[in-house]
Amino acid sequence: MVNIFIGRRTSTFLLSFFICTLLLSQENEQEFPKTLYALSQYGPVSRYDETSDSFLITEEKELIDENDRIRVDTIFIKKRIDSADYIVARSLREELAVMRRTEVVRDSIYLMGPILEGLTEDEVWKKYQNQEIPLYATLFSKLLFTREKLNTLKNAPGLDQITREDLIASLQWRQHIGDALKSYAEDNPDMQSYRLYRMVQNYRDQKLFLLGYNPYKQVVYNLEKKFAGDDEVIKLLTEPVSFD
């Protein structure tokens, strides 16, 4: 038998160390709002409510008549990895995925979406542990907003008020997501080309939200006409999504 004696000063140090470690772990376990909102270019606002075992996605709209319906979707939480990552499923039989959410702008804007997929919970968990996350994972993420941020977006400038500098910033996608798009195209050789365009469009819209615009605001605009004669802008507006 080996007897270990811990003196008062040593035990006090260990206790303090344990308390500090516990506090740091609690700080790293970020808390997210239980309700967030997503905007759609043509549809109504969607409300994301986190419950103990699911995310409920509900359309916020006024019913026009008795045949109109409010769409409700459910993402089932199969396993809570931590406050940011979940193993989820759309239904009990469909493929599973790890969904990740991150805070983009403090207390106002968040990013959420699947980062890897699998047929079983074990498969997904092993991929997660091995960090088998594709380069293009974040291209499928969606921006979510708090109610306060959503209200400010109603009065945010639309694309009819965008400046040249901000438009160029939103259109320079190649240096930011070019490698991810190329990786996706290589992994999905039979995909339709419009999917790449949608990913680029999603990146541009998210960039505009972060620049303080509401790209989904229903306004009349024609960017090619507004910036006619500006070769740099026109090229960025019209260049195809392609790779050598």
Foldseek 3Di string as FASTA:
>chain_A
DDDDDQDPVRVVVVVVVVVVVVVVVVVVQDADDQWWWADDLPFAIWIWGDDPFWTKIWGDDDAPDPPDDIDIFIWTFPADPTNFWTWTDRDPQDKIFIKGKDDDDPPWKMKIDGFDIDRDPVVRVVCVVVVVGAPQRSLGIGMITHPVLVVQQLVWAEPQPDDPVLLLVLLPCCVPCVVRLVSVCVVCVPDDQVVSVVSSVRSSQVSQVVVGHHHSPDDDDDVCVVCPPVVSSVCSVPPGSDDD
